[in-house]
Amino acid sequence: MPIHFYDSCRFAYPSNNRTLQTVVQLLSSPSGIAVDSINDHLYWVDPGQNKLSRCNLDGSNVTVLLTLSNPWVIRLDITYRLMYIVELDVRILKSRFSLSEQQMIVDIRSPLVECMNIDIENRLYWINGDGDMKSSKDDGSDVKTILSTSLKTNYYAISISGSDIYYSIAKQLFMINKTSGSTPTVLYNDTNWIYSILVFKSSGMLITITYTVNLRHNLT
């Protein structure tokens, strides 16, 4: 089956055969994707259609779960069966996987938020369009400002690993400690905008950044 622009795809890893396989064909551009590895479900949010959808990992049983307002980011807490969704200029929503107990935990009507992540202690971290990096408990309480960049721009990527926060501003990758008042460190400069970050630690550390639709760069 040919690969189309908005397809959700997968490949086996590790494997010598890394041919992309289409999981599900999407009608417009998803901005966030997450996997429930316990129940073998794939979730995605689509700001073009204002929907939260789910399917099985083989692409079957595609289901629209919720109609939202500009859904942009989705993160899953597999242990406690919770999902967190950023509605771009409205709120951060918390819900059970069953869609029960839906609640707004952070009001983000101004300025908008385009990145959000959760650490292993279930604290949320996000950056708003004014450059304020904030954190809260997973019920929206204990809001803290970790950093104010004073730069109004789009903040697309944030990732948490241990006591460190990794984030991008345009074409630069930064790292900062979770402690308020910490000083950020520039880790990497690129010629393209950085749109996503994945930090993976084992014996060493691998940082994967995505800066165009089909381009990826690994930093070790």
N, C-alpha and C. Protein backbone atom coordinates (compact mmCIF):
# COMPACT_ATOMS: atom_id res chain seq x y z
N MET A 1 0.84 -1.19 0.00
CA MET A 1 0.00 0.00 0.00
C MET A 1 0.89 1.25 0.00
N PRO A 2 0.64 2.21 -0.90
CA PRO A 2 1.47 3.43 -0.93
C PRO A 2 1.26 4.27 0.33
N ILE A 3 2.32 5.00 0.71
CA ILE A 3 2.25 5.87 1.87
C ILE A 3 1.74 7.24 1.44
N HIS A 4 0.74 7.75 2.14
CA HIS A 4 0.19 9.06 1.85
C HIS A 4 0.65 10.07 2.90
N PHE A 5 0.46 11.34 2.61
CA PHE A 5 1.04 12.41 3.42
C PHE A 5 0.58 12.36 4.86
N TYR A 6 -0.69 12.05 5.13
CA TYR A 6 -1.21 12.11 6.49
C TYR A 6 -1.33 10.72 7.13
N ASP A 7 -0.70 9.71 6.58
CA ASP A 7 -0.80 8.37 7.13
C ASP A 7 -0.07 8.26 8.47
N SER A 8 -0.62 7.44 9.36
CA SER A 8 0.11 7.02 10.55
C SER A 8 0.79 5.70 10.21
N CYS A 9 2.13 5.66 10.39
CA CYS A 9 2.90 4.51 9.93
C CYS A 9 3.73 3.91 11.06
N ARG A 10 4.24 2.69 10.82
CA ARG A 10 5.10 2.03 11.79
C ARG A 10 6.11 1.16 11.05
N PHE A 11 7.20 0.80 11.77
CA PHE A 11 8.12 -0.21 11.26
C PHE A 11 8.72 -0.95 12.45
N ALA A 12 9.17 -2.18 12.23
CA ALA A 12 9.73 -3.00 13.29
C ALA A 12 11.12 -2.49 13.67
N TYR A 13 11.40 -2.49 14.99
CA TYR A 13 12.71 -2.06 15.45
C TYR A 13 13.07 -2.84 16.72
N PRO A 14 14.27 -3.42 16.84
CA PRO A 14 15.32 -3.41 15.80
C PRO A 14 15.01 -4.41 14.70
N SER A 15 15.35 -4.06 13.50
CA SER A 15 15.11 -4.91 12.34
C SER A 15 15.91 -4.38 11.17
N ASN A 16 16.34 -5.27 10.30
CA ASN A 16 17.02 -4.84 9.08
C ASN A 16 16.02 -4.34 8.04
N ASN A 17 14.76 -4.72 8.22
CA ASN A 17 13.72 -4.28 7.29
C ASN A 17 12.92 -3.17 7.95
N ARG A 18 13.20 -1.94 7.57
CA ARG A 18 12.51 -0.79 8.16
C ARG A 18 11.54 -0.15 7.17
N THR A 19 10.86 -1.00 6.43
CA THR A 19 9.86 -0.53 5.48
C THR A 19 8.64 -0.01 6.25
N LEU A 20 8.20 1.20 5.91
CA LEU A 20 7.04 1.77 6.58
C LEU A 20 5.77 1.02 6.22
N GLN A 21 4.96 0.75 7.23
CA GLN A 21 3.65 0.14 7.04
C GLN A 21 2.58 1.11 7.52
N THR A 22 1.59 1.35 6.69
CA THR A 22 0.51 2.25 7.08
C THR A 22 -0.38 1.57 8.12
N VAL A 23 -0.56 2.24 9.26
CA VAL A 23 -1.47 1.74 10.29
C VAL A 23 -2.88 2.23 10.02
N VAL A 24 -3.01 3.54 9.80
CA VAL A 24 -4.32 4.11 9.53
C VAL A 24 -4.15 5.34 8.65
N GLN A 25 -5.04 5.51 7.69
CA GLN A 25 -5.01 6.68 6.81
C GLN A 25 -5.89 7.76 7.43
N LEU A 26 -5.29 8.93 7.63
CA LEU A 26 -5.99 10.04 8.27
C LEU A 26 -6.42 11.06 7.22
N LEU A 27 -7.52 11.75 7.49
CA LEU A 27 -8.08 12.68 6.52
C LEU A 27 -7.39 14.04 6.55
N SER A 28 -6.79 14.38 7.68
CA SER A 28 -6.07 15.64 7.76
C SER A 28 -4.85 15.44 8.66
N SER A 29 -4.24 16.52 9.09
CA SER A 29 -2.94 16.43 9.74
C SER A 29 -3.04 16.30 11.25
N PRO A 30 -2.65 15.15 11.84
CA PRO A 30 -2.65 15.03 13.30
C PRO A 30 -1.48 15.82 13.88
N SER A 31 -1.70 16.43 15.03
CA SER A 31 -0.62 17.19 15.67
C SER A 31 -0.05 16.47 16.88
N GLY A 32 -0.74 15.42 17.36
CA GLY A 32 -0.25 14.68 18.51
C GLY A 32 -0.65 13.22 18.41
N ILE A 33 0.25 12.34 18.88
CA ILE A 33 0.00 10.90 18.78
C ILE A 33 0.55 10.24 20.04
N ALA A 34 -0.11 9.18 20.52
CA ALA A 34 0.33 8.48 21.73
C ALA A 34 -0.11 7.03 21.66
N VAL A 35 0.64 6.15 22.34
CA VAL A 35 0.36 4.71 22.30
C VAL A 35 0.06 4.20 23.70
N ASP A 36 -1.05 3.48 23.82
CA ASP A 36 -1.39 2.74 25.03
C ASP A 36 -0.90 1.31 24.82
N SER A 37 0.29 1.00 25.34
CA SER A 37 0.92 -0.30 25.09
C SER A 37 0.26 -1.43 25.87
N ILE A 38 -0.55 -1.10 26.88
CA ILE A 38 -1.24 -2.14 27.65
C ILE A 38 -2.41 -2.70 26.88
N ASN A 39 -3.21 -1.80 26.29
CA ASN A 39 -4.41 -2.23 25.55
C ASN A 39 -4.22 -2.22 24.04
N ASP A 40 -2.98 -1.97 23.59
CA ASP A 40 -2.67 -1.95 22.14
C ASP A 40 -3.54 -0.97 21.38
N HIS A 41 -3.60 0.26 21.90
CA HIS A 41 -4.37 1.32 21.26
C HIS A 41 -3.46 2.45 20.81
N LEU A 42 -3.79 3.04 19.69
CA LEU A 42 -3.14 4.24 19.18
C LEU A 42 -4.12 5.40 19.29
N TYR A 43 -3.69 6.49 19.92
CA TYR A 43 -4.51 7.70 20.06
C TYR A 43 -3.89 8.83 19.24
N TRP A 44 -4.73 9.71 18.72
CA TRP A 44 -4.20 10.90 18.06
C TRP A 44 -5.20 12.04 18.16
N VAL A 45 -4.69 13.28 18.12
CA VAL A 45 -5.53 14.46 18.10
C VAL A 45 -5.32 15.20 16.79
N ASP A 46 -6.39 15.77 16.28
CA ASP A 46 -6.39 16.38 14.96
C ASP A 46 -7.03 17.77 15.06
N PRO A 47 -6.21 18.84 15.04
CA PRO A 47 -6.78 20.19 15.15
C PRO A 47 -7.60 20.60 13.93
N GLY A 48 -7.33 19.99 12.78
CA GLY A 48 -8.09 20.31 11.57
C GLY A 48 -9.53 19.86 11.68
N GLN A 49 -9.75 18.71 12.34
CA GLN A 49 -11.11 18.18 12.51
C GLN A 49 -11.61 18.33 13.94
N ASN A 50 -10.75 18.86 14.83
CA ASN A 50 -11.13 19.06 16.24
C ASN A 50 -11.58 17.77 16.91
N LYS A 51 -10.79 16.70 16.72
CA LYS A 51 -11.20 15.40 17.23
C LYS A 51 -10.07 14.69 17.96
N LEU A 52 -10.47 13.89 18.95
CA LEU A 52 -9.61 12.88 19.56
C LEU A 52 -10.08 11.53 19.05
N SER A 53 -9.16 10.75 18.47
CA SER A 53 -9.53 9.46 17.88
C SER A 53 -8.64 8.35 18.43
N ARG A 54 -9.10 7.12 18.21
CA ARG A 54 -8.35 5.96 18.68
C ARG A 54 -8.57 4.81 17.71
N CYS A 55 -7.56 3.94 17.59
CA CYS A 55 -7.72 2.70 16.84
C CYS A 55 -6.83 1.64 17.49
N ASN A 56 -6.99 0.40 17.07
CA ASN A 56 -6.09 -0.66 17.49
C ASN A 56 -4.74 -0.47 16.79
N LEU A 57 -3.69 -1.08 17.32
CA LEU A 57 -2.37 -0.88 16.75
C LEU A 57 -2.24 -1.45 15.34
N ASP A 58 -3.18 -2.31 14.94
CA ASP A 58 -3.17 -2.81 13.56
C ASP A 58 -4.02 -1.93 12.64
N GLY A 59 -4.55 -0.82 13.17
CA GLY A 59 -5.32 0.11 12.36
C GLY A 59 -6.82 -0.16 12.34
N SER A 60 -7.26 -1.22 12.96
CA SER A 60 -8.69 -1.56 12.97
C SER A 60 -9.43 -0.78 14.04
N ASN A 61 -10.74 -0.79 13.90
CA ASN A 61 -11.65 -0.20 14.89
C ASN A 61 -11.35 1.28 15.15
N VAL A 62 -11.28 2.07 14.09
CA VAL A 62 -11.07 3.52 14.24
C VAL A 62 -12.31 4.14 14.86
N THR A 63 -12.11 4.88 15.95
CA THR A 63 -13.22 5.45 16.69
C THR A 63 -12.93 6.89 17.05
N VAL A 64 -13.88 7.80 16.78
CA VAL A 64 -13.78 9.18 17.24
C VAL A 64 -14.31 9.22 18.67
N LEU A 65 -13.46 9.64 19.62
CA LEU A 65 -13.82 9.61 21.03
C LEU A 65 -14.42 10.92 21.52
N LEU A 66 -13.83 12.03 21.09
CA LEU A 66 -14.26 13.34 21.58
C LEU A 66 -14.15 14.39 20.49
N THR A 67 -15.03 15.37 20.54
CA THR A 67 -14.88 16.58 19.74
C THR A 67 -14.34 17.66 20.67
N LEU A 68 -13.23 18.29 20.28
CA LEU A 68 -12.53 19.24 21.12
C LEU A 68 -12.33 20.55 20.38
N SER A 69 -11.71 21.50 21.01
CA SER A 69 -11.41 22.79 20.39
C SER A 69 -9.90 22.90 20.17
N ASN A 70 -9.47 22.75 18.92
CA ASN A 70 -8.06 22.87 18.58
C ASN A 70 -7.17 21.94 19.40
N PRO A 71 -7.44 20.63 19.45
CA PRO A 71 -6.57 19.73 20.21
C PRO A 71 -5.18 19.66 19.56
N TRP A 72 -4.13 19.79 20.37
CA TRP A 72 -2.79 19.95 19.80
C TRP A 72 -1.78 18.93 20.32
N VAL A 73 -1.86 18.58 21.60
CA VAL A 73 -0.91 17.65 22.22
C VAL A 73 -1.69 16.61 23.01
N ILE A 74 -1.23 15.36 22.99
CA ILE A 74 -1.81 14.32 23.83
C ILE A 74 -0.68 13.55 24.51
N ARG A 75 -0.84 13.32 25.82
CA ARG A 75 0.10 12.50 26.59
C ARG A 75 -0.71 11.51 27.41
N LEU A 76 -0.19 10.29 27.55
CA LEU A 76 -0.88 9.24 28.30
C LEU A 76 -0.10 8.85 29.53
N ASP A 77 -0.83 8.63 30.61
CA ASP A 77 -0.28 8.03 31.82
C ASP A 77 -0.82 6.60 31.87
N ILE A 78 -0.01 5.65 31.42
CA ILE A 78 -0.45 4.27 31.28
C ILE A 78 -0.77 3.66 32.65
N THR A 79 0.04 3.99 33.65
CA THR A 79 -0.11 3.38 34.97
C THR A 79 -1.46 3.71 35.60
N TYR A 80 -1.84 4.98 35.53
CA TYR A 80 -3.09 5.41 36.18
C TYR A 80 -4.24 5.58 35.19
N ARG A 81 -4.01 5.20 33.92
CA ARG A 81 -5.06 5.20 32.90
C ARG A 81 -5.65 6.59 32.72
N LEU A 82 -4.77 7.57 32.54
CA LEU A 82 -5.18 8.96 32.37
C LEU A 82 -4.61 9.52 31.07
N MET A 83 -5.35 10.43 30.46
CA MET A 83 -4.84 11.15 29.30
C MET A 83 -4.89 12.65 29.58
N TYR A 84 -3.91 13.34 29.01
CA TYR A 84 -3.81 14.79 29.13
C TYR A 84 -3.77 15.37 27.72
N ILE A 85 -4.64 16.33 27.45
CA ILE A 85 -4.74 16.91 26.10
C ILE A 85 -4.65 18.42 26.19
N VAL A 86 -3.81 19.00 25.34
CA VAL A 86 -3.75 20.46 25.22
C VAL A 86 -4.72 20.88 24.12
N GLU A 87 -5.71 21.68 24.49
CA GLU A 87 -6.53 22.38 23.50
C GLU A 87 -5.89 23.76 23.33
N LEU A 88 -5.39 24.00 22.15
CA LEU A 88 -4.37 25.00 21.84
C LEU A 88 -4.50 26.32 22.61
N ASP A 89 -5.64 26.95 22.60
CA ASP A 89 -5.81 28.24 23.25
C ASP A 89 -6.99 28.21 24.22
N VAL A 90 -7.21 27.04 24.84
CA VAL A 90 -8.35 26.88 25.75
C VAL A 90 -7.90 26.35 27.12
N ARG A 91 -7.37 25.12 27.13
CA ARG A 91 -7.13 24.46 28.41
C ARG A 91 -6.22 23.25 28.23
N ILE A 92 -5.73 22.73 29.36
CA ILE A 92 -5.18 21.39 29.42
C ILE A 92 -6.24 20.52 30.09
N LEU A 93 -6.67 19.50 29.37
CA LEU A 93 -7.76 18.62 29.80
C LEU A 93 -7.20 17.31 30.34
N LYS A 94 -7.78 16.85 31.43
CA LYS A 94 -7.42 15.56 32.02
C LYS A 94 -8.65 14.66 31.97
N SER A 95 -8.45 13.39 31.56
CA SER A 95 -9.58 12.48 31.46
C SER A 95 -9.12 11.05 31.68
N ARG A 96 -10.00 10.23 32.22
CA ARG A 96 -9.78 8.80 32.24
C ARG A 96 -9.80 8.25 30.82
N PHE A 97 -9.14 7.11 30.62
CA PHE A 97 -9.20 6.48 29.30
C PHE A 97 -10.63 6.15 28.91
N SER A 98 -11.47 5.93 29.91
CA SER A 98 -12.89 5.63 29.66
C SER A 98 -13.67 6.88 29.29
N LEU A 99 -13.00 8.05 29.31
CA LEU A 99 -13.58 9.38 29.05
C LEU A 99 -14.42 9.89 30.21
N SER A 100 -14.35 9.21 31.34
CA SER A 100 -15.02 9.71 32.54
C SER A 100 -14.10 10.68 33.27
N GLU A 101 -14.67 11.43 34.20
CA GLU A 101 -13.92 12.36 35.05
C GLU A 101 -13.11 13.38 34.23
N GLN A 102 -13.70 13.89 33.16
CA GLN A 102 -13.02 14.92 32.37
C GLN A 102 -13.01 16.23 33.15
N GLN A 103 -11.85 16.88 33.18
CA GLN A 103 -11.78 18.14 33.89
C GLN A 103 -10.68 19.03 33.30
N MET A 104 -10.94 20.33 33.30
CA MET A 104 -9.91 21.29 32.93
C MET A 104 -8.98 21.43 34.13
N ILE A 105 -7.69 21.20 33.92
CA ILE A 105 -6.76 21.34 35.04
C ILE A 105 -5.91 22.60 34.91
N VAL A 106 -5.76 23.14 33.69
CA VAL A 106 -5.03 24.39 33.50
C VAL A 106 -5.76 25.23 32.46
N ASP A 107 -6.04 26.48 32.78
CA ASP A 107 -6.66 27.42 31.84
C ASP A 107 -5.55 28.10 31.04
N ILE A 108 -5.55 27.91 29.72
CA ILE A 108 -4.48 28.47 28.88
C ILE A 108 -5.07 29.33 27.76
N ARG A 109 -6.14 30.02 28.02
CA ARG A 109 -6.79 30.80 26.97
C ARG A 109 -5.89 31.90 26.42
N SER A 110 -4.96 32.38 27.20
CA SER A 110 -4.03 33.39 26.72
C SER A 110 -2.80 33.39 27.63
N PRO A 111 -1.60 33.30 27.04
CA PRO A 111 -1.32 32.99 25.63
C PRO A 111 -1.38 31.49 25.36
N LEU A 112 -1.39 31.10 24.10
CA LEU A 112 -1.60 29.70 23.74
C LEU A 112 -0.41 28.83 24.12
N VAL A 113 -0.67 27.51 24.21
CA VAL A 113 0.33 26.51 24.56
C VAL A 113 0.40 25.48 23.44
N GLU A 114 1.62 25.19 22.95
CA GLU A 114 1.79 24.23 21.86
C GLU A 114 2.67 23.04 22.24
N CYS A 115 3.13 23.00 23.50
CA CYS A 115 3.90 21.83 23.94
C CYS A 115 3.60 21.55 25.40
N MET A 116 3.62 20.27 25.76
CA MET A 116 3.34 19.85 27.13
C MET A 116 3.89 18.45 27.31
N ASN A 117 4.36 18.15 28.54
CA ASN A 117 4.83 16.80 28.84
C ASN A 117 4.62 16.51 30.32
N ILE A 118 4.82 15.25 30.69
CA ILE A 118 4.61 14.78 32.06
C ILE A 118 5.85 14.03 32.51
N ASP A 119 6.25 14.22 33.78
CA ASP A 119 7.38 13.46 34.27
C ASP A 119 6.90 12.24 35.05
N ILE A 120 7.84 11.46 35.59
CA ILE A 120 7.48 10.21 36.26
C ILE A 120 6.78 10.46 37.59
N GLU A 121 6.84 11.68 38.07
CA GLU A 121 6.14 12.03 39.30
C GLU A 121 4.76 12.63 39.01
N ASN A 122 4.35 12.54 37.75
CA ASN A 122 3.04 13.03 37.30
C ASN A 122 2.87 14.53 37.46
N ARG A 123 3.95 15.27 37.30
CA ARG A 123 3.86 16.73 37.18
C ARG A 123 3.84 17.08 35.70
N LEU A 124 3.04 18.09 35.37
CA LEU A 124 2.95 18.58 34.00
C LEU A 124 3.91 19.74 33.80
N TYR A 125 4.44 19.85 32.58
CA TYR A 125 5.33 20.94 32.19
C TYR A 125 4.88 21.45 30.84
N TRP A 126 4.81 22.77 30.71
CA TRP A 126 4.42 23.36 29.43
C TRP A 126 5.08 24.73 29.28
N ILE A 127 5.09 25.24 28.04
CA ILE A 127 5.62 26.57 27.75
C ILE A 127 4.55 27.32 26.96
N ASN A 128 4.22 28.54 27.39
CA ASN A 128 3.23 29.31 26.65
C ASN A 128 3.91 30.25 25.65
N GLY A 129 3.10 30.89 24.84
CA GLY A 129 3.62 31.71 23.75
C GLY A 129 4.39 32.95 24.19
N ASP A 130 4.28 33.31 25.47
CA ASP A 130 5.06 34.43 26.00
C ASP A 130 6.44 33.98 26.50
N GLY A 131 6.70 32.66 26.45
CA GLY A 131 7.99 32.15 26.87
C GLY A 131 8.07 31.77 28.33
N ASP A 132 6.91 31.60 28.98
CA ASP A 132 6.90 31.17 30.39
C ASP A 132 6.81 29.66 30.47
N MET A 133 7.84 29.03 31.02
CA MET A 133 7.81 27.59 31.26
C MET A 133 7.22 27.35 32.63
N LYS A 134 6.12 26.59 32.67
CA LYS A 134 5.40 26.38 33.92
C LYS A 134 5.27 24.89 34.23
N SER A 135 4.97 24.61 35.49
CA SER A 135 4.78 23.25 35.95
C SER A 135 3.66 23.23 36.97
N SER A 136 2.93 22.10 37.03
CA SER A 136 1.89 21.94 38.04
C SER A 136 1.75 20.47 38.38
N LYS A 137 1.07 20.20 39.49
CA LYS A 137 0.67 18.83 39.78
C LYS A 137 -0.36 18.40 38.74
N ASP A 138 -0.63 17.09 38.68
CA ASP A 138 -1.53 16.60 37.64
C ASP A 138 -2.99 16.94 37.89
N ASP A 139 -3.29 17.62 39.00
CA ASP A 139 -4.65 18.13 39.21
C ASP A 139 -4.73 19.63 38.94
N GLY A 140 -3.63 20.21 38.46
CA GLY A 140 -3.61 21.63 38.12
C GLY A 140 -3.18 22.53 39.27
N SER A 141 -2.94 21.97 40.45
CA SER A 141 -2.53 22.78 41.60
C SER A 141 -1.01 22.96 41.62
N ASP A 142 -0.54 23.80 42.53
CA ASP A 142 0.89 24.02 42.75
C ASP A 142 1.59 24.47 41.45
N VAL A 143 1.01 25.47 40.79
CA VAL A 143 1.61 25.98 39.55
C VAL A 143 2.87 26.78 39.87
N LYS A 144 3.95 26.44 39.20
CA LYS A 144 5.22 27.13 39.39
C LYS A 144 5.77 27.60 38.05
N THR A 145 6.42 28.75 38.05
CA THR A 145 7.12 29.21 36.86
C THR A 145 8.59 28.84 37.00
N ILE A 146 9.07 28.02 36.09
CA ILE A 146 10.46 27.54 36.14
C ILE A 146 11.38 28.51 35.42
N LEU A 147 10.89 29.07 34.31
CA LEU A 147 11.72 29.94 33.48
C LEU A 147 10.84 30.90 32.71
N SER A 148 11.30 32.12 32.56
CA SER A 148 10.65 33.09 31.67
C SER A 148 11.69 33.55 30.65
N THR A 149 11.49 33.15 29.39
CA THR A 149 12.46 33.52 28.35
C THR A 149 12.26 34.94 27.87
N SER A 150 11.06 35.51 28.11
CA SER A 150 10.70 36.87 27.64
C SER A 150 10.70 36.96 26.12
N LEU A 151 10.61 35.82 25.45
CA LEU A 151 10.59 35.79 23.99
C LEU A 151 9.24 35.26 23.52
N LYS A 152 8.48 36.10 22.82
CA LYS A 152 7.19 35.67 22.28
C LYS A 152 7.41 34.96 20.95
N THR A 153 7.14 33.66 20.91
CA THR A 153 7.32 32.87 19.71
C THR A 153 6.55 31.57 19.88
N ASN A 154 6.71 30.63 18.93
CA ASN A 154 6.10 29.31 19.03
C ASN A 154 7.06 28.37 19.75
N TYR A 155 6.56 27.71 20.78
CA TYR A 155 7.35 26.72 21.51
C TYR A 155 6.71 25.36 21.24
N TYR A 156 7.38 24.56 20.39
CA TYR A 156 6.77 23.33 19.90
C TYR A 156 7.18 22.07 20.67
N ALA A 157 8.32 22.08 21.38
CA ALA A 157 8.84 20.82 21.90
C ALA A 157 9.34 20.95 23.32
N ILE A 158 8.96 19.97 24.15
CA ILE A 158 9.47 19.87 25.51
C ILE A 158 9.50 18.40 25.90
N SER A 159 10.56 17.98 26.61
CA SER A 159 10.70 16.59 27.04
C SER A 159 11.35 16.59 28.42
N ILE A 160 10.93 15.66 29.27
CA ILE A 160 11.42 15.59 30.64
C ILE A 160 12.20 14.30 30.82
N SER A 161 13.38 14.40 31.45
CA SER A 161 14.17 13.21 31.77
C SER A 161 14.86 13.43 33.11
N GLY A 162 14.44 12.66 34.10
CA GLY A 162 15.01 12.82 35.42
C GLY A 162 14.76 14.21 35.97
N SER A 163 15.82 14.89 36.37
CA SER A 163 15.70 16.24 36.92
C SER A 163 15.88 17.33 35.87
N ASP A 164 15.95 16.94 34.60
CA ASP A 164 16.23 17.90 33.53
C ASP A 164 15.06 18.04 32.57
N ILE A 165 14.92 19.24 32.03
CA ILE A 165 13.91 19.57 31.04
C ILE A 165 14.63 19.95 29.74
N TYR A 166 14.21 19.35 28.65
CA TYR A 166 14.77 19.68 27.34
C TYR A 166 13.68 20.38 26.54
N TYR A 167 14.03 21.47 25.89
CA TYR A 167 13.03 22.22 25.14
C TYR A 167 13.70 22.94 23.98
N SER A 168 12.89 23.35 23.03
CA SER A 168 13.43 24.05 21.86
C SER A 168 12.86 25.46 21.77
N ILE A 169 13.69 26.35 21.26
CA ILE A 169 13.25 27.68 20.85
C ILE A 169 13.73 27.84 19.41
N ALA A 170 12.79 27.78 18.49
CA ALA A 170 13.12 27.91 17.07
C ALA A 170 14.14 26.84 16.66
N LYS A 171 15.39 27.22 16.40
CA LYS A 171 16.41 26.31 15.88
C LYS A 171 17.42 25.87 16.93
N GLN A 172 17.12 26.12 18.20
CA GLN A 172 18.04 25.76 19.26
C GLN A 172 17.42 24.76 20.24
N LEU A 173 18.24 23.84 20.73
CA LEU A 173 17.84 22.88 21.74
C LEU A 173 18.49 23.26 23.06
N PHE A 174 17.67 23.35 24.13
CA PHE A 174 18.14 23.77 25.45
C PHE A 174 17.88 22.68 26.48
N MET A 175 18.63 22.76 27.57
CA MET A 175 18.39 21.92 28.74
C MET A 175 18.41 22.82 29.97
N ILE A 176 17.49 22.54 30.93
CA ILE A 176 17.45 23.29 32.18
C ILE A 176 17.01 22.35 33.29
N ASN A 177 17.50 22.58 34.50
CA ASN A 177 17.08 21.80 35.65
C ASN A 177 15.66 22.19 36.05
N LYS A 178 14.94 21.26 36.67
CA LYS A 178 13.56 21.53 37.08
C LYS A 178 13.44 22.61 38.15
N THR A 179 14.51 22.87 38.87
CA THR A 179 14.47 23.84 39.95
C THR A 179 14.26 25.25 39.42
N SER A 180 13.28 25.96 39.98
CA SER A 180 13.02 27.34 39.56
C SER A 180 14.28 28.19 39.76
N GLY A 181 14.57 29.06 38.80
CA GLY A 181 15.74 29.92 38.88
C GLY A 181 16.98 29.33 38.25
N SER A 182 16.89 28.10 37.72
CA SER A 182 18.04 27.48 37.07
C SER A 182 18.36 28.19 35.76
N THR A 183 19.60 28.06 35.32
CA THR A 183 20.05 28.70 34.07
C THR A 183 20.07 27.67 32.95
N PRO A 184 19.43 27.96 31.82
CA PRO A 184 19.42 27.00 30.71
C PRO A 184 20.77 26.89 30.01
N THR A 185 21.01 25.73 29.42
CA THR A 185 22.22 25.46 28.64
C THR A 185 21.84 25.15 27.21
N VAL A 186 22.53 25.76 26.25
CA VAL A 186 22.30 25.44 24.84
C VAL A 186 23.03 24.14 24.51
N LEU A 187 22.29 23.13 24.05
CA LEU A 187 22.89 21.84 23.71
C LEU A 187 23.19 21.71 22.23
N TYR A 188 22.42 22.41 21.40
CA TYR A 188 22.53 22.14 19.96
C TYR A 188 21.91 23.29 19.18
N ASN A 189 22.55 23.63 18.07
CA ASN A 189 22.03 24.63 17.14
C ASN A 189 21.80 23.97 15.78
N ASP A 190 20.65 24.24 15.19
CA ASP A 190 20.33 23.66 13.89
C ASP A 190 20.03 24.77 12.89
N THR A 191 19.87 24.37 11.63
CA THR A 191 19.49 25.33 10.59
C THR A 191 17.99 25.31 10.33
N ASN A 192 17.28 24.37 11.00
CA ASN A 192 15.84 24.23 10.84
C ASN A 192 15.16 24.34 12.21
N TRP A 193 13.87 24.67 12.20
CA TRP A 193 13.10 24.70 13.43
C TRP A 193 12.99 23.29 14.01
N ILE A 194 13.09 23.18 15.33
CA ILE A 194 12.97 21.89 16.02
C ILE A 194 11.53 21.76 16.52
N TYR A 195 10.85 20.69 16.07
CA TYR A 195 9.43 20.54 16.36
C TYR A 195 9.12 19.49 17.43
N SER A 196 10.03 18.57 17.70
CA SER A 196 9.77 17.58 18.75
C SER A 196 11.10 17.05 19.29
N ILE A 197 11.03 16.56 20.52
CA ILE A 197 12.21 16.03 21.20
C ILE A 197 11.83 14.74 21.91
N LEU A 198 12.69 13.73 21.78
CA LEU A 198 12.55 12.50 22.56
C LEU A 198 13.89 12.23 23.22
N VAL A 199 13.90 12.16 24.55
CA VAL A 199 15.12 11.89 25.31
C VAL A 199 15.05 10.47 25.84
N PHE A 200 16.07 9.68 25.54
CA PHE A 200 16.10 8.29 25.98
C PHE A 200 17.42 8.02 26.68
N LYS A 201 17.36 7.51 27.91
CA LYS A 201 18.57 7.22 28.68
C LYS A 201 18.65 5.73 28.99
N SER A 202 19.82 5.15 28.74
CA SER A 202 20.10 3.79 29.20
C SER A 202 21.49 3.84 29.82
N SER A 203 22.48 3.21 29.19
CA SER A 203 23.85 3.35 29.69
C SER A 203 24.41 4.72 29.30
N GLY A 204 23.91 5.26 28.21
CA GLY A 204 24.27 6.60 27.79
C GLY A 204 23.01 7.41 27.61
N MET A 205 23.02 8.35 26.69
CA MET A 205 21.82 9.15 26.46
C MET A 205 21.68 9.41 24.97
N LEU A 206 20.46 9.30 24.49
CA LEU A 206 20.14 9.60 23.10
C LEU A 206 19.05 10.65 23.08
N ILE A 207 19.29 11.75 22.36
CA ILE A 207 18.28 12.78 22.17
C ILE A 207 17.92 12.79 20.70
N THR A 208 16.66 12.55 20.41
CA THR A 208 16.19 12.59 19.03
C THR A 208 15.34 13.84 18.85
N ILE A 209 15.69 14.66 17.84
CA ILE A 209 14.89 15.84 17.54
C ILE A 209 14.32 15.69 16.14
N THR A 210 13.11 16.16 15.97
CA THR A 210 12.47 16.18 14.66
C THR A 210 12.30 17.63 14.24
N TYR A 211 12.83 17.96 13.03
CA TYR A 211 12.76 19.36 12.65
C TYR A 211 12.13 19.61 11.30
N THR A 212 11.77 18.58 10.55
CA THR A 212 10.87 18.74 9.41
C THR A 212 10.01 17.48 9.36
N VAL A 213 9.11 17.41 8.40
CA VAL A 213 8.19 16.27 8.35
C VAL A 213 8.93 14.95 8.26
N ASN A 214 10.01 14.88 7.48
CA ASN A 214 10.67 13.61 7.24
C ASN A 214 12.15 13.63 7.62
N LEU A 215 12.54 14.48 8.56
CA LEU A 215 13.95 14.62 8.90
C LEU A 215 14.15 14.45 10.39
N ARG A 216 15.14 13.65 10.77
CA ARG A 216 15.41 13.39 12.17
C ARG A 216 16.90 13.43 12.41
N HIS A 217 17.30 13.85 13.61
CA HIS A 217 18.72 13.93 13.94
C HIS A 217 18.92 13.39 15.35
N ASN A 218 19.91 12.54 15.53
CA ASN A 218 20.20 11.96 16.84
C ASN A 218 21.43 12.60 17.46
N LEU A 219 21.35 12.97 18.72
CA LEU A 219 22.48 13.52 19.47
C LEU A 219 22.82 12.55 20.58
N THR A 220 24.08 12.19 20.75
CA THR A 220 24.46 11.25 21.80
C THR A 220 25.40 11.93 22.78
